Every structure is written in structure tokens, then in C-alpha cells.
Amino acid sequence: MLIIIGSVVVVVSVIGGYVALGGHLAVLMQPFELVIIAGAALGAFIISNPKVVLKGTGKAFGRMMKGPRYTKQSYIELLSLLYQLFKLAKTKGMLALESHVEKPDESSLFQQFPTIARDHTALTFICDYLRMMTLGTDNPHEVETVLDQELETHHAEYASISTALQTVADGLPALGIVAAVLGVIKTMGAITEPPEVLGHLIGGALVGTFLGVFLAYGFVGPMASAVKAVDEAEAKYLQCIKIGLLAHLQGYPPAVSVEFARKALLHESRPTFYEIEEAVGALPPV
């Protein structure tokens, strides 16, 4: 919703200001200038990016429109799951987790938390590291190194989309100049025409420069930033899991491990200590 509101503000401010100054909208109607700029930008985007980025861009726009998918309630559910897992490991040993992490889709424990059970990335992330712990991995520093490497890779995969969009934004002003130059070439071919015709042609050529800058700084650049912001907000979900796992591996009680994980969250989606206390207090015994 904010994306739509922002886009409307950009269009109304720029076009409305132009009209208020006495400009004629007809001069801005240069569809082929837009075809040159947008088509060249799309072609360059396809040339410079692998298939995985091209396929992921559509999904990235969906994430941008919806905003971060993880809310305070999502984090309450996540921290409650971590508490149950850590409590089970503390009371019955790490091997008690084996059946749950090997077949999480059949686990009664994971099924208590349907949002996480449907989140393949988070579920796999949790199970992979708990499985390592059940196999005897008990050095928190070594596990942290592996966690950081995986999270860095995960972040790089997501960041590649926003980086690609920002590259397009950076190139649009230059493509606008290309369109303007082509317009000037067209104008020079009609140099014998009367001034009113030449004026219209020159104005149309300059629209190319305007469109390139307008699209770059009014839309594509901000969209790249919005995609990046959503990805960074969602990355906190896995960061939260990481901190909880490391705290558990270092021997802290479940409540303390969960509190460490809670502290990693952004304020706007971070549940309070008392909300987590109430949530875990209502959980069934493990």
C-alpha cells in the first residue's frame, strides 16, 4: 500500500508541477521514447543477470508490495518453538530431538506451530543444525562459523535481486540520453521544417532525458531500496534462530536462550519478555 501511495505522490508532484508551470502534457506523450528506454533497460537486465535472479525478481516485487511477512505473532510462534525444542533437549537429551528433526512434517512438536511447519526455509534451517547437534557437534564457535557462512550466502542470494534493480536504476539516466540523442538525430533530419515543427521534435527528444532520470530516481531506485529493506527485515528471522541455537549450545536454560534470540529482533516486530513468558507458559508439556 505504501508503495502505491509513494508512486502516486511522485507522479502527481512531478506531472502536476509541470502542468502548473504551464507545460503541455501532449509534449510528454512520447511512447517510442519510453519503448527505447524501457526496452533497453529490460534487455540489459536480462543480459546481466542469471536465470535465478530473473525468476526471483517477480517474487521480490510481491514481497515489496506486501512488506515483511514476519510479524510479532510470527516471532512469538518461532520463539515458542525454540523454547519447546530446547526444553526437550535439556530434559531428555539431544537424542530426543532426533525423531522430530528427521521427519518434521510428521512431528507432533513441529505441528503445534503451523506457520513454521509451512516455512520450508526456516524449518530446514532449524532441523539441519539440530541434527548436527544430535550427531555430536558441540563446539559453539565452529557452529557459529557455519551459521554465518550459510546466512551470508542466503543474504547474498536475496541481495542479488535488489542489486540488479539498483544497477538498472543507475543505467536509466544514460539510456534516457540515448533516447534523447536519437530524438536529436531525428530532428536534424527534419532541419528544413518550420520552427514550430522543430520545437516539437526537440521537445520530444528532451523527453527521453526526462524519462530516464524520472524512472531511475522516482521508481526503479526506490523499488530496489524497498526490496532490500524487506529482505533485510526478513533475514532477522533466521538471525533470531541462529542466536537461539548458539545460546542453547553454550548451555543456557531454554528461557535464557529464547531471550537472547528475542533481543536480536527489530523493535517494530519484537515481542516483549512478558508476551513470550505468557506464550511459553501456555505450551503443552514436552
C-alpha atoms as a PDB file:
ATOM      1  CA  MET A   1       0.000   0.000   0.000  1.00  0.00           C
ATOM      2  CA  LEU A   2       2.809   2.424   0.865  1.00  0.00           C
ATOM      3  CA  ILE A   3       4.451   1.640  -2.488  1.00  0.00           C
ATOM      4  CA  ILE A   4       1.287   2.682  -4.319  1.00  0.00           C
ATOM      5  CA  ILE A   5       0.877   5.837  -2.229  1.00  0.00           C
ATOM      6  CA  GLY A   6       4.505   6.796  -2.800  1.00  0.00           C
ATOM      7  CA  SER A   7       4.220   6.215  -6.553  1.00  0.00           C
ATOM      8  CA  VAL A   8       1.096   8.382  -6.758  1.00  0.00           C
ATOM      9  CA  VAL A   9       2.854  11.159  -4.838  1.00  0.00           C
ATOM     10  CA  VAL A  10       5.816  11.018  -7.241  1.00  0.00           C
ATOM     11  CA  VAL A  11       3.627  11.190 -10.365  1.00  0.00           C
ATOM     12  CA  VAL A  12       1.304  13.896  -9.038  1.00  0.00           C
ATOM     13  CA  SER A  13       4.186  16.031  -7.769  1.00  0.00           C
ATOM     14  CA  VAL A  14       6.226  15.883 -10.972  1.00  0.00           C
ATOM     15  CA  ILE A  15       3.479  15.947 -13.598  1.00  0.00           C
ATOM     16  CA  GLY A  16       1.277  18.260 -11.538  1.00  0.00           C
ATOM     17  CA  GLY A  17       4.156  20.701 -11.053  1.00  0.00           C
ATOM     18  CA  TYR A  18       4.906  20.617 -14.777  1.00  0.00           C
ATOM     19  CA  VAL A  19       1.294  21.386 -15.668  1.00  0.00           C
ATOM     20  CA  ALA A  20       1.102  24.118 -13.018  1.00  0.00           C
ATOM     21  CA  LEU A  21       4.087  25.797 -14.661  1.00  0.00           C
ATOM     22  CA  GLY A  22       2.149  25.923 -17.911  1.00  0.00           C
ATOM     23  CA  GLY A  23       3.599  22.821 -19.529  1.00  0.00           C
ATOM     24  CA  HIS A  24       1.617  20.872 -22.113  1.00  0.00           C
ATOM     25  CA  LEU A  25       1.030  17.204 -21.386  1.00  0.00           C
ATOM     26  CA  ALA A  26       0.919  16.404 -25.093  1.00  0.00           C
ATOM     27  CA  VAL A  27       4.644  17.097 -25.348  1.00  0.00           C
ATOM     28  CA  LEU A  28       5.349  14.388 -22.753  1.00  0.00           C
ATOM     29  CA  MET A  29       3.405  11.783 -24.711  1.00  0.00           C
ATOM     30  CA  GLN A  30       6.363  10.150 -26.440  1.00  0.00           C
ATOM     31  CA  PRO A  31       5.620   6.411 -26.361  1.00  0.00           C
ATOM     32  CA  PHE A  32       8.573   5.439 -28.538  1.00  0.00           C
ATOM     33  CA  GLU A  33      10.999   7.263 -26.241  1.00  0.00           C
ATOM     34  CA  LEU A  34       9.610   5.064 -23.454  1.00  0.00           C
ATOM     35  CA  VAL A  35       9.961   1.971 -25.652  1.00  0.00           C
ATOM     36  CA  ILE A  36      13.632   2.773 -26.295  1.00  0.00           C
ATOM     37  CA  ILE A  37      14.452   3.385 -22.618  1.00  0.00           C
ATOM     38  CA  ALA A  38      12.368   0.628 -21.037  1.00  0.00           C
ATOM     39  CA  GLY A  39      13.221  -1.904 -23.724  1.00  0.00           C
ATOM     40  CA  ALA A  40      16.951  -1.245 -23.494  1.00  0.00           C
ATOM     41  CA  ALA A  41      16.780  -1.415 -19.676  1.00  0.00           C
ATOM     42  CA  LEU A  42      14.914  -4.725 -19.812  1.00  0.00           C
ATOM     43  CA  GLY A  43      17.381  -6.145 -22.329  1.00  0.00           C
ATOM     44  CA  ALA A  44      20.342  -5.064 -20.215  1.00  0.00           C
ATOM     45  CA  PHE A  45      18.686  -6.590 -17.135  1.00  0.00           C
ATOM     46  CA  ILE A  46      18.309  -9.928 -18.947  1.00  0.00           C
ATOM     47  CA  ILE A  47      21.893  -9.840 -20.247  1.00  0.00           C
ATOM     48  CA  SER A  48      23.484  -9.056 -16.892  1.00  0.00           C
ATOM     49  CA  ASN A  49      21.631 -11.477 -14.614  1.00  0.00           C
ATOM     50  CA  PRO A  50      21.357 -15.278 -14.319  1.00  0.00           C
ATOM     51  CA  LYS A  51      18.048 -17.113 -14.558  1.00  0.00           C
ATOM     52  CA  VAL A  52      17.665 -17.391 -10.815  1.00  0.00           C
ATOM     53  CA  VAL A  53      17.658 -13.589 -10.465  1.00  0.00           C
ATOM     54  CA  LEU A  54      15.281 -13.138 -13.404  1.00  0.00           C
ATOM     55  CA  LYS A  55      12.835 -15.637 -11.895  1.00  0.00           C
ATOM     56  CA  GLY A  56      13.206 -14.215  -8.407  1.00  0.00           C
ATOM     57  CA  THR A  57      12.515 -10.630  -9.443  1.00  0.00           C
ATOM     58  CA  GLY A  58       8.776 -11.214  -9.789  1.00  0.00           C
ATOM     59  CA  LYS A  59       8.640 -12.731  -6.307  1.00  0.00           C
ATOM     60  CA  ALA A  60      10.707  -9.832  -4.992  1.00  0.00           C
ATOM     61  CA  PHE A  61       8.117  -7.369  -6.277  1.00  0.00           C
ATOM     62  CA  GLY A  62       5.451  -9.391  -4.481  1.00  0.00           C
ATOM     63  CA  ARG A  63       7.431  -9.182  -1.228  1.00  0.00           C
ATOM     64  CA  MET A  64       7.924  -5.466  -1.759  1.00  0.00           C
ATOM     65  CA  MET A  65       4.189  -4.855  -2.162  1.00  0.00           C
ATOM     66  CA  LYS A  66       3.230  -6.964   0.865  1.00  0.00           C
ATOM     67  CA  GLY A  67       6.093  -5.902   3.133  1.00  0.00           C
ATOM     68  CA  PRO A  68       7.915  -8.223   5.544  1.00  0.00           C
ATOM     69  CA  ARG A  69       5.916 -11.407   6.121  1.00  0.00           C
ATOM     70  CA  TYR A  70       7.128 -11.951   9.673  1.00  0.00           C
ATOM     71  CA  THR A  71       5.058 -10.119  12.278  1.00  0.00           C
ATOM     72  CA  LYS A  72       5.230 -10.012  16.047  1.00  0.00           C
ATOM     73  CA  GLN A  73       2.924 -13.039  16.172  1.00  0.00           C
ATOM     74  CA  SER A  74       5.268 -14.911  13.826  1.00  0.00           C
ATOM     75  CA  TYR A  75       8.152 -14.295  16.203  1.00  0.00           C
ATOM     76  CA  ILE A  76       6.114 -15.336  19.227  1.00  0.00           C
ATOM     77  CA  GLU A  77       5.430 -18.630  17.458  1.00  0.00           C
ATOM     78  CA  LEU A  78       9.088 -19.038  16.484  1.00  0.00           C
ATOM     79  CA  LEU A  79      10.394 -18.334  19.977  1.00  0.00           C
ATOM     80  CA  SER A  80       7.802 -20.686  21.439  1.00  0.00           C
ATOM     81  CA  LEU A  81       9.006 -23.460  19.119  1.00  0.00           C
ATOM     82  CA  LEU A  82      12.625 -22.840  20.056  1.00  0.00           C
ATOM     83  CA  TYR A  83      11.674 -22.945  23.727  1.00  0.00           C
ATOM     84  CA  GLN A  84       9.962 -26.316  23.271  1.00  0.00           C
ATOM     85  CA  LEU A  85      12.918 -27.728  21.366  1.00  0.00           C
ATOM     86  CA  PHE A  86      15.468 -26.510  23.893  1.00  0.00           C
ATOM     87  CA  LYS A  87      13.364 -27.699  26.824  1.00  0.00           C
ATOM     88  CA  LEU A  88      13.018 -31.164  25.310  1.00  0.00           C
ATOM     89  CA  ALA A  89      16.779 -31.322  24.720  1.00  0.00           C
ATOM     90  CA  LYS A  90      17.519 -30.203  28.279  1.00  0.00           C
ATOM     91  CA  THR A  91      15.121 -32.598  29.971  1.00  0.00           C
ATOM     92  CA  LYS A  92      15.522 -35.705  27.792  1.00  0.00           C
ATOM     93  CA  GLY A  93      18.805 -35.156  25.967  1.00  0.00           C
ATOM     94  CA  MET A  94      19.663 -34.103  22.419  1.00  0.00           C
ATOM     95  CA  LEU A  95      18.796 -37.522  21.021  1.00  0.00           C
ATOM     96  CA  ALA A  96      15.167 -36.884  21.988  1.00  0.00           C
ATOM     97  CA  LEU A  97      15.085 -34.354  19.132  1.00  0.00           C
ATOM     98  CA  GLU A  98      16.223 -36.850  16.508  1.00  0.00           C
ATOM     99  CA  SER A  99      12.787 -38.126  15.505  1.00  0.00           C
ATOM    100  CA  HIS A 100      11.457 -34.570  15.276  1.00  0.00           C
ATOM    101  CA  VAL A 101      14.246 -33.143  13.107  1.00  0.00           C
ATOM    102  CA  GLU A 102      14.448 -36.177  10.800  1.00  0.00           C
ATOM    103  CA  LYS A 103      10.750 -36.032   9.896  1.00  0.00           C
ATOM    104  CA  PRO A 104       9.465 -32.576  10.891  1.00  0.00           C
ATOM    105  CA  ASP A 105       6.344 -32.983   8.738  1.00  0.00           C
ATOM    106  CA  GLU A 106       5.331 -35.916  10.952  1.00  0.00           C
ATOM    107  CA  SER A 107       6.485 -34.357  14.224  1.00  0.00           C
ATOM    108  CA  SER A 108       3.760 -33.563  16.747  1.00  0.00           C
ATOM    109  CA  LEU A 109       6.038 -30.895  18.195  1.00  0.00           C
ATOM    110  CA  PHE A 110       6.502 -29.001  14.926  1.00  0.00           C
ATOM    111  CA  GLN A 111       2.830 -29.375  14.043  1.00  0.00           C
ATOM    112  CA  GLN A 112       1.982 -27.254  17.089  1.00  0.00           C
ATOM    113  CA  PHE A 113       3.438 -24.335  15.127  1.00  0.00           C
ATOM    114  CA  PRO A 114       1.786 -24.406  11.675  1.00  0.00           C
ATOM    115  CA  THR A 115       3.345 -21.190  10.356  1.00  0.00           C
ATOM    116  CA  ILE A 116       6.857 -22.554  10.809  1.00  0.00           C
ATOM    117  CA  ALA A 117       5.841 -26.013   9.606  1.00  0.00           C
ATOM    118  CA  ARG A 118       4.849 -24.394   6.285  1.00  0.00           C
ATOM    119  CA  ASP A 119       8.033 -22.300   6.050  1.00  0.00           C
ATOM    120  CA  HIS A 120      10.410 -24.659   4.261  1.00  0.00           C
ATOM    121  CA  THR A 121      13.467 -22.396   4.566  1.00  0.00           C
ATOM    122  CA  ALA A 122      13.152 -21.792   8.308  1.00  0.00           C
ATOM    123  CA  LEU A 123      12.163 -25.387   9.039  1.00  0.00           C
ATOM    124  CA  THR A 124      15.139 -26.781   7.133  1.00  0.00           C
ATOM    125  CA  PHE A 125      17.457 -24.275   8.795  1.00  0.00           C
ATOM    126  CA  ILE A 126      16.347 -25.312  12.293  1.00  0.00           C
ATOM    127  CA  CYS A 127      16.388 -29.041  11.593  1.00  0.00           C
ATOM    128  CA  ASP A 128      19.785 -29.040   9.901  1.00  0.00           C
ATOM    129  CA  TYR A 129      21.554 -27.521  12.886  1.00  0.00           C
ATOM    130  CA  LEU A 130      19.660 -29.508  15.489  1.00  0.00           C
ATOM    131  CA  ARG A 131      20.577 -32.637  13.533  1.00  0.00           C
ATOM    132  CA  MET A 132      24.244 -31.608  13.688  1.00  0.00           C
ATOM    133  CA  MET A 133      23.896 -31.242  17.452  1.00  0.00           C
ATOM    134  CA  THR A 134      22.277 -34.667  17.824  1.00  0.00           C
ATOM    135  CA  LEU A 135      25.229 -36.101  15.899  1.00  0.00           C
ATOM    136  CA  GLY A 136      27.657 -34.702  18.454  1.00  0.00           C
ATOM    137  CA  THR A 137      28.504 -31.196  17.267  1.00  0.00           C
ATOM    138  CA  ASP A 138      29.017 -29.259  20.491  1.00  0.00           C
ATOM    139  CA  ASN A 139      31.550 -26.515  19.688  1.00  0.00           C
ATOM    140  CA  PRO A 140      29.612 -23.222  19.570  1.00  0.00           C
ATOM    141  CA  HIS A 141      32.398 -21.353  17.753  1.00  0.00           C
ATOM    142  CA  GLU A 142      32.555 -23.879  14.914  1.00  0.00           C
ATOM    143  CA  VAL A 143      28.763 -23.941  14.614  1.00  0.00           C
ATOM    144  CA  GLU A 144      28.664 -20.139  14.591  1.00  0.00           C
ATOM    145  CA  THR A 145      31.147 -20.079  11.708  1.00  0.00           C
ATOM    146  CA  VAL A 146      28.975 -22.430   9.663  1.00  0.00           C
ATOM    147  CA  LEU A 147      25.829 -20.464  10.580  1.00  0.00           C
ATOM    148  CA  ASP A 148      27.440 -17.199   9.494  1.00  0.00           C
ATOM    149  CA  GLN A 149      28.542 -18.707   6.189  1.00  0.00           C
ATOM    150  CA  GLU A 150      25.064 -20.027   5.452  1.00  0.00           C
ATOM    151  CA  LEU A 151      23.379 -16.764   6.422  1.00  0.00           C
ATOM    152  CA  GLU A 152      25.881 -14.809   4.336  1.00  0.00           C
ATOM    153  CA  THR A 153      25.073 -16.997   1.329  1.00  0.00           C
ATOM    154  CA  HIS A 154      21.352 -16.664   1.959  1.00  0.00           C
ATOM    155  CA  HIS A 155      21.680 -12.878   2.231  1.00  0.00           C
ATOM    156  CA  ALA A 156      23.771 -12.682  -0.952  1.00  0.00           C
ATOM    157  CA  GLU A 157      21.144 -14.641  -2.899  1.00  0.00           C
ATOM    158  CA  TYR A 158      18.406 -12.256  -1.833  1.00  0.00           C
ATOM    159  CA  ALA A 159      20.578  -9.140  -2.203  1.00  0.00           C
ATOM    160  CA  SER A 160      21.392 -10.057  -5.809  1.00  0.00           C
ATOM    161  CA  ILE A 161      17.869  -9.021  -6.833  1.00  0.00           C
ATOM    162  CA  SER A 162      17.904  -5.596  -5.192  1.00  0.00           C
ATOM    163  CA  THR A 163      21.437  -5.055  -6.528  1.00  0.00           C
ATOM    164  CA  ALA A 164      20.283  -5.925 -10.044  1.00  0.00           C
ATOM    165  CA  LEU A 165      17.384  -3.473  -9.780  1.00  0.00           C
ATOM    166  CA  GLN A 166      19.696  -0.761  -8.481  1.00  0.00           C
ATOM    167  CA  THR A 167      22.016  -1.377 -11.440  1.00  0.00           C
ATOM    168  CA  VAL A 168      19.080  -0.805 -13.791  1.00  0.00           C
ATOM    169  CA  ALA A 169      18.221   2.397 -11.914  1.00  0.00           C
ATOM    170  CA  ASP A 170      21.821   3.594 -12.272  1.00  0.00           C
ATOM    171  CA  GLY A 171      21.729   2.942 -16.019  1.00  0.00           C
ATOM    172  CA  LEU A 172      18.358   4.527 -16.808  1.00  0.00           C
ATOM    173  CA  PRO A 173      19.605   8.151 -16.984  1.00  0.00           C
ATOM    174  CA  ALA A 174      22.206   7.085 -19.556  1.00  0.00           C
ATOM    175  CA  LEU A 175      19.563   5.232 -21.547  1.00  0.00           C
ATOM    176  CA  GLY A 176      17.471   8.392 -21.389  1.00  0.00           C
ATOM    177  CA  ILE A 177      20.368  10.218 -23.017  1.00  0.00           C
ATOM    178  CA  VAL A 178      20.465   7.532 -25.728  1.00  0.00           C
ATOM    179  CA  ALA A 179      16.787   8.156 -26.443  1.00  0.00           C
ATOM    180  CA  ALA A 180      17.386  11.921 -26.433  1.00  0.00           C
ATOM    181  CA  VAL A 181      20.286  11.598 -28.878  1.00  0.00           C
ATOM    182  CA  LEU A 182      18.144   9.525 -31.206  1.00  0.00           C
ATOM    183  CA  GLY A 183      15.494  12.236 -30.970  1.00  0.00           C
ATOM    184  CA  VAL A 184      18.075  14.872 -31.872  1.00  0.00           C
ATOM    185  CA  ILE A 185      19.178  12.767 -34.862  1.00  0.00           C
ATOM    186  CA  LYS A 186      15.550  12.611 -35.969  1.00  0.00           C
ATOM    187  CA  THR A 187      15.282  16.389 -35.521  1.00  0.00           C
ATOM    188  CA  MET A 188      18.397  17.022 -37.613  1.00  0.00           C
ATOM    189  CA  GLY A 189      16.825  15.017 -40.407  1.00  0.00           C
ATOM    190  CA  ALA A 190      13.958  17.496 -40.421  1.00  0.00           C
ATOM    191  CA  ILE A 191      16.082  20.645 -40.148  1.00  0.00           C
ATOM    192  CA  THR A 192      14.285  22.283 -43.066  1.00  0.00           C
ATOM    193  CA  GLU A 193      10.938  22.156 -41.266  1.00  0.00           C
ATOM    194  CA  PRO A 194       9.426  25.355 -39.788  1.00  0.00           C
ATOM    195  CA  PRO A 195      10.313  26.376 -36.178  1.00  0.00           C
ATOM    196  CA  GLU A 196       7.067  25.074 -34.658  1.00  0.00           C
ATOM    197  CA  VAL A 197       7.747  21.602 -36.052  1.00  0.00           C
ATOM    198  CA  LEU A 198      11.406  21.668 -34.949  1.00  0.00           C
ATOM    199  CA  GLY A 199      10.382  22.867 -31.495  1.00  0.00           C
ATOM    200  CA  HIS A 200       8.032  19.922 -31.084  1.00  0.00           C
ATOM    201  CA  LEU A 201      10.742  17.493 -32.247  1.00  0.00           C
ATOM    202  CA  ILE A 202      13.359  18.958 -29.905  1.00  0.00           C
ATOM    203  CA  GLY A 203      10.906  18.849 -27.020  1.00  0.00           C
ATOM    204  CA  GLY A 204      10.173  15.205 -27.783  1.00  0.00           C
ATOM    205  CA  ALA A 205      13.898  14.421 -27.812  1.00  0.00           C
ATOM    206  CA  LEU A 206      14.394  16.014 -24.391  1.00  0.00           C
ATOM    207  CA  VAL A 207      11.577  13.889 -23.010  1.00  0.00           C
ATOM    208  CA  GLY A 208      13.985  10.944 -23.299  1.00  0.00           C
ATOM    209  CA  THR A 209      16.365  12.509 -20.790  1.00  0.00           C
ATOM    210  CA  PHE A 210      13.442  13.361 -18.521  1.00  0.00           C
ATOM    211  CA  LEU A 211      12.031   9.827 -18.617  1.00  0.00           C
ATOM    212  CA  GLY A 212      15.396   8.224 -17.908  1.00  0.00           C
ATOM    213  CA  VAL A 213      16.006  10.328 -14.804  1.00  0.00           C
ATOM    214  CA  PHE A 214      12.345  10.178 -13.705  1.00  0.00           C
ATOM    215  CA  LEU A 215      12.149   6.392 -13.899  1.00  0.00           C
ATOM    216  CA  ALA A 216      15.547   5.929 -12.232  1.00  0.00           C
ATOM    217  CA  TYR A 217      15.076   8.149  -9.206  1.00  0.00           C
ATOM    218  CA  GLY A 218      11.296   8.138  -8.966  1.00  0.00           C
ATOM    219  CA  PHE A 219      10.586   4.428  -9.312  1.00  0.00           C
ATOM    220  CA  VAL A 220      13.269   1.823 -10.001  1.00  0.00           C
ATOM    221  CA  GLY A 221      15.817   3.096  -7.455  1.00  0.00           C
ATOM    222  CA  PRO A 222      13.250   3.376  -4.639  1.00  0.00           C
ATOM    223  CA  MET A 223      11.884  -0.056  -5.538  1.00  0.00           C
ATOM    224  CA  ALA A 224      15.364  -1.553  -5.272  1.00  0.00           C
ATOM    225  CA  SER A 225      15.696   0.036  -1.824  1.00  0.00           C
ATOM    226  CA  ALA A 226      12.266  -1.267  -0.804  1.00  0.00           C
ATOM    227  CA  VAL A 227      13.131  -4.829  -1.879  1.00  0.00           C
ATOM    228  CA  LYS A 228      16.410  -4.591   0.042  1.00  0.00           C
ATOM    229  CA  ALA A 229      14.637  -3.323   3.176  1.00  0.00           C
ATOM    230  CA  VAL A 230      12.111  -6.180   3.107  1.00  0.00           C
ATOM    231  CA  ASP A 231      14.839  -8.774   2.581  1.00  0.00           C
ATOM    232  CA  GLU A 232      16.886  -7.385   5.470  1.00  0.00           C
ATOM    233  CA  ALA A 233      13.835  -7.386   7.751  1.00  0.00           C
ATOM    234  CA  GLU A 234      13.046 -10.989   6.861  1.00  0.00           C
ATOM    235  CA  ALA A 235      16.690 -12.008   7.374  1.00  0.00           C
ATOM    236  CA  LYS A 236      16.160 -11.247  11.076  1.00  0.00           C
ATOM    237  CA  TYR A 237      14.040 -14.407  11.268  1.00  0.00           C
ATOM    238  CA  LEU A 238      16.999 -16.662  10.557  1.00  0.00           C
ATOM    239  CA  GLN A 239      19.278 -14.458  12.666  1.00  0.00           C
ATOM    240  CA  CYS A 240      16.900 -14.995  15.577  1.00  0.00           C
ATOM    241  CA  ILE A 241      17.095 -18.764  15.104  1.00  0.00           C
ATOM    242  CA  LYS A 242      20.887 -18.587  14.915  1.00  0.00           C
ATOM    243  CA  ILE A 243      21.251 -16.738  18.203  1.00  0.00           C
ATOM    244  CA  GLY A 244      18.852 -19.072  19.964  1.00  0.00           C
ATOM    245  CA  LEU A 245      20.709 -22.159  18.735  1.00  0.00           C
ATOM    246  CA  LEU A 246      24.084 -20.789  19.795  1.00  0.00           C
ATOM    247  CA  ALA A 247      22.793 -19.830  23.241  1.00  0.00           C
ATOM    248  CA  HIS A 248      21.400 -23.340  23.701  1.00  0.00           C
ATOM    249  CA  LEU A 249      24.678 -24.857  22.528  1.00  0.00           C
ATOM    250  CA  GLN A 250      26.525 -22.812  25.123  1.00  0.00           C
ATOM    251  CA  GLY A 251      24.425 -24.396  27.842  1.00  0.00           C
ATOM    252  CA  TYR A 252      21.955 -21.687  28.759  1.00  0.00           C
ATOM    253  CA  PRO A 253      18.477 -22.642  30.041  1.00  0.00           C
ATOM    254  CA  PRO A 254      15.672 -22.574  27.433  1.00  0.00           C
ATOM    255  CA  ALA A 255      14.180 -19.335  28.770  1.00  0.00           C
ATOM    256  CA  VAL A 256      17.542 -17.567  28.567  1.00  0.00           C
ATOM    257  CA  SER A 257      18.315 -18.912  25.080  1.00  0.00           C
ATOM    258  CA  VAL A 258      14.945 -17.657  23.852  1.00  0.00           C
ATOM    259  CA  GLU A 259      15.560 -14.271  25.487  1.00  0.00           C
ATOM    260  CA  PHE A 260      18.897 -13.990  23.651  1.00  0.00           C
ATOM    261  CA  ALA A 261      17.076 -14.731  20.379  1.00  0.00           C
ATOM    262  CA  ARG A 262      14.330 -12.190  21.146  1.00  0.00           C
ATOM    263  CA  LYS A 263      16.892  -9.428  21.623  1.00  0.00           C
ATOM    264  CA  ALA A 264      18.053  -9.799  18.013  1.00  0.00           C
ATOM    265  CA  LEU A 265      14.704  -8.656  16.597  1.00  0.00           C
ATOM    266  CA  LEU A 266      13.728  -5.249  15.271  1.00  0.00           C
ATOM    267  CA  HIS A 267      11.679  -3.187  17.718  1.00  0.00           C
ATOM    268  CA  GLU A 268       8.606  -2.979  15.481  1.00  0.00           C
ATOM    269  CA  SER A 269       8.178  -6.766  15.435  1.00  0.00           C
ATOM    270  CA  ARG A 270       9.872  -7.743  18.705  1.00  0.00           C
ATOM    271  CA  PRO A 271       7.520  -9.284  21.284  1.00  0.00           C
ATOM    272  CA  THR A 272       8.045  -8.268  24.884  1.00  0.00           C
ATOM    273  CA  PHE A 273       9.598 -10.507  27.513  1.00  0.00           C
ATOM    274  CA  TYR A 274       6.189 -10.900  29.156  1.00  0.00           C
ATOM    275  CA  GLU A 275       4.468 -11.829  25.888  1.00  0.00           C
ATOM    276  CA  ILE A 276       6.981 -14.632  25.381  1.00  0.00           C
ATOM    277  CA  GLU A 277       6.661 -15.696  29.013  1.00  0.00           C
ATOM    278  CA  GLU A 278       2.893 -15.934  28.618  1.00  0.00           C
ATOM    279  CA  ALA A 279       3.165 -17.802  25.304  1.00  0.00           C
ATOM    280  CA  VAL A 280       5.598 -20.450  26.553  1.00  0.00           C
ATOM    281  CA  GLY A 281       3.627 -20.812  29.779  1.00  0.00           C
ATOM    282  CA  ALA A 282       0.620 -21.908  27.741  1.00  0.00           C
ATOM    283  CA  LEU A 283       2.547 -24.569  25.815  1.00  0.00           C
ATOM    284  CA  PRO A 284       1.810 -28.254  26.472  1.00  0.00           C
ATOM    285  CA  PRO A 285       4.468 -30.236  28.343  1.00  0.00           C
ATOM    286  CA  VAL A 286       7.127 -31.942  26.210  1.00  0.00           C
END
